[in-house]
Amino acid sequence: MMKTVLRFMMPVICMMAMAMGCNQGSQDRDIRGAIAAKTKTDIHFAGVQYTVKDGVVTLVGTCPTLKAKEQVLKTLRGIRVIKDVKDELRIAPLVLDSTLVFRQAVDSVLARYPYVLAKVSDSAIALQGEVMSGELAGLAKALKQVNPYGSVDTTGLRAVN
């Protein structure tokens, strides 16, 4: 009797586990999108980059003051589905130059790619992190539209299934 129950329950349990795993990737994208929306209007995020994996946000980059860093963290606490924040931000001078709007445009594209970081200079975008195997070409194409005359370096990306 127990073997019969287990035989019928195992496929259900496996399907639920797979669905939860797929759901997490979708939730990571939603979190990344919510953060991207906030970064467009909050100057405190000007030197901040982030990735999202399994509901955990990792922050890297620079904030000009401790108060700015605290504001970034406070903003993220307002996004309820974030499980945790790994704060790797440093306090250092931050120059707001002509690349700010360019960085924001790149960040808008990356809203769909929660595991990717971009280093942006005047005319170059260098990517690092992970991207789903079938999404690499779409990501490169979208960034090329943002940066039609510059370069998009994807050598720092690792394709995962």
Protein backbone atom coordinates (compact mmCIF):
# COMPACT_ATOMS: atom_id res chain seq x y z
CA MET A 1 0.00 0.00 0.00
CA MET A 2 2.76 2.45 0.99
CA LYS A 3 4.73 1.65 -2.18
CA THR A 4 1.64 2.37 -4.29
CA VAL A 5 1.12 5.74 -2.59
CA LEU A 6 4.78 6.65 -3.03
CA ARG A 7 4.75 5.62 -6.68
CA PHE A 8 1.91 8.04 -7.37
CA MET A 9 3.18 10.82 -5.11
CA MET A 10 6.78 10.94 -6.39
CA PRO A 11 5.90 12.45 -9.78
CA VAL A 12 3.74 15.07 -8.05
CA ILE A 13 6.53 15.95 -5.62
CA CYS A 14 9.08 16.18 -8.46
CA MET A 15 6.80 18.43 -10.52
CA MET A 16 6.25 20.71 -7.53
CA ALA A 17 10.00 20.96 -6.91
CA MET A 18 10.66 21.83 -10.57
CA ALA A 19 7.90 24.44 -10.56
CA MET A 20 9.33 26.06 -7.45
CA GLY A 21 12.77 26.25 -9.09
CA CYS A 22 11.32 27.87 -12.21
CA ASN A 23 9.29 30.24 -10.08
CA GLN A 24 12.45 31.45 -8.29
CA GLY A 25 14.04 32.56 -11.58
CA SER A 26 10.89 34.47 -12.39
CA GLN A 27 10.86 36.01 -8.92
CA ASP A 28 14.52 37.03 -9.31
CA ARG A 29 13.59 38.81 -12.55
CA ASP A 30 10.70 40.55 -10.80
CA ILE A 31 13.01 41.71 -8.00
CA ARG A 32 15.61 42.93 -10.50
CA GLY A 33 12.88 44.79 -12.40
CA ALA A 34 11.57 46.42 -9.21
CA ILE A 35 15.06 47.58 -8.28
CA ALA A 36 15.69 48.86 -11.83
CA ALA A 37 12.51 50.94 -11.65
CA LYS A 38 13.67 52.52 -8.39
CA THR A 39 17.21 53.22 -9.62
CA LYS A 40 15.89 55.42 -12.42
CA THR A 41 14.51 57.95 -9.94
CA ASP A 42 16.85 57.57 -6.94
CA ILE A 43 20.24 59.26 -7.30
CA HIS A 44 21.58 57.21 -4.37
CA PHE A 45 21.82 54.23 -6.75
CA ALA A 46 24.08 56.10 -9.23
CA GLY A 47 27.20 54.08 -8.36
CA VAL A 48 25.45 50.86 -7.35
CA GLN A 49 25.24 47.61 -9.30
CA TYR A 50 23.37 44.54 -8.22
CA THR A 51 22.49 40.97 -9.02
CA VAL A 52 19.65 38.82 -7.71
CA LYS A 53 19.92 35.08 -7.13
CA ASP A 54 17.37 33.01 -5.24
CA GLY A 55 15.78 36.14 -3.82
CA VAL A 56 19.09 37.46 -2.44
CA VAL A 57 20.32 40.82 -3.74
CA THR A 58 24.08 41.38 -3.91
CA LEU A 59 25.11 45.03 -4.03
CA VAL A 60 28.50 46.14 -5.38
CA GLY A 61 29.85 49.54 -6.24
CA THR A 62 30.14 52.90 -4.57
CA CYS A 63 28.01 55.26 -2.53
CA PRO A 64 29.37 58.75 -1.87
CA THR A 65 28.26 58.82 1.79
CA LEU A 66 27.09 56.51 4.53
CA LYS A 67 23.71 58.27 4.37
CA ALA A 68 23.39 57.42 0.64
CA LYS A 69 24.27 53.79 1.36
CA GLU A 70 21.66 53.63 4.13
CA GLN A 71 19.08 55.07 1.72
CA VAL A 72 19.87 52.35 -0.84
CA LEU A 73 19.43 49.67 1.83
CA LYS A 74 16.20 51.30 3.06
CA THR A 75 14.82 51.33 -0.49
CA LEU A 76 15.57 47.62 -0.87
CA ARG A 77 13.89 46.82 2.44
CA GLY A 78 10.72 48.24 0.87
CA ILE A 79 10.69 45.40 -1.69
CA ARG A 80 9.05 42.71 0.39
CA VAL A 81 10.00 39.65 -1.70
CA ILE A 82 13.74 40.18 -1.18
CA LYS A 83 14.99 37.45 1.16
CA ASP A 84 18.34 39.03 2.02
CA VAL A 85 20.79 41.72 0.92
CA LYS A 86 24.54 41.12 0.65
CA ASP A 87 26.06 44.56 1.05
CA GLU A 88 29.44 44.86 -0.68
CA LEU A 89 29.14 48.61 -1.21
CA ARG A 90 31.99 50.90 -0.35
CA ILE A 91 31.95 54.56 0.60
CA ALA A 92 34.03 56.63 -1.81
CA PRO A 93 33.74 59.74 -3.95
CA LEU A 94 31.38 59.28 -6.87
CA VAL A 95 31.55 61.33 -10.05
CA LEU A 96 28.24 61.86 -11.79
CA ASP A 97 29.21 62.27 -15.40
CA SER A 98 27.69 61.81 -18.83
CA THR A 99 27.68 58.02 -18.46
CA LEU A 100 24.91 58.13 -15.82
CA VAL A 101 22.08 58.11 -18.38
CA PHE A 102 23.93 55.46 -20.39
CA ARG A 103 24.31 53.28 -17.26
CA GLN A 104 20.60 53.71 -16.50
CA ALA A 105 19.71 52.58 -20.03
CA VAL A 106 21.93 49.51 -19.66
CA ASP A 107 20.36 48.81 -16.27
CA SER A 108 16.91 48.93 -17.86
CA VAL A 109 17.96 46.18 -20.27
CA LEU A 110 19.52 44.14 -17.45
CA ALA A 111 16.22 44.23 -15.53
CA ARG A 112 15.36 40.95 -17.33
CA TYR A 113 18.73 39.36 -16.48
CA PRO A 114 19.03 39.11 -12.70
CA TYR A 115 22.45 37.41 -12.61
CA VAL A 116 24.32 39.87 -14.84
CA LEU A 117 26.49 42.88 -13.93
CA ALA A 118 27.64 45.48 -16.45
CA LYS A 119 30.70 47.69 -16.30
CA VAL A 120 29.96 50.73 -18.41
CA SER A 121 32.42 53.27 -19.81
CA ASP A 122 31.98 55.98 -22.45
CA SER A 123 31.31 53.59 -25.32
CA ALA A 124 31.81 50.09 -23.96
CA ILE A 125 29.75 47.62 -21.97
CA ALA A 126 31.51 44.67 -20.32
CA LEU A 127 29.24 41.98 -18.91
CA GLN A 128 29.93 39.44 -16.21
CA GLY A 129 27.83 36.87 -14.39
CA GLU A 130 25.41 34.21 -15.56
CA VAL A 131 22.79 34.18 -18.27
CA MET A 132 20.47 31.41 -19.39
CA SER A 133 21.86 29.68 -22.50
CA GLY A 134 19.05 30.74 -24.82
CA GLU A 135 19.08 34.38 -23.67
CA LEU A 136 22.64 35.44 -24.52
CA ALA A 137 21.93 36.53 -28.10
CA GLY A 138 18.86 38.55 -27.03
CA LEU A 139 20.82 40.28 -24.27
CA ALA A 140 23.68 41.19 -26.61
CA LYS A 141 21.23 42.49 -29.23
CA ALA A 142 19.32 44.63 -26.71
CA LEU A 143 22.55 46.15 -25.38
CA LYS A 144 23.79 46.80 -28.92
CA GLN A 145 20.61 48.85 -29.47
CA VAL A 146 21.47 50.92 -26.39
CA ASN A 147 25.09 51.23 -27.54
CA PRO A 148 25.00 51.06 -31.37
CA TYR A 149 28.46 52.54 -31.96
CA GLY A 150 30.27 51.01 -29.00
CA SER A 151 31.27 47.54 -27.94
CA VAL A 152 29.42 44.91 -25.93
CA ASP A 153 31.84 42.43 -24.35
CA THR A 154 30.13 39.18 -23.29
CA THR A 155 33.30 37.21 -22.53
CA GLY A 156 32.68 37.58 -18.79
CA LEU A 157 29.31 35.82 -19.05
CA ARG A 158 28.77 32.18 -18.33
CA ALA A 159 25.85 30.46 -20.07
CA VAL A 160 23.84 28.18 -17.78
CA ASN A 161 20.86 25.91 -18.41
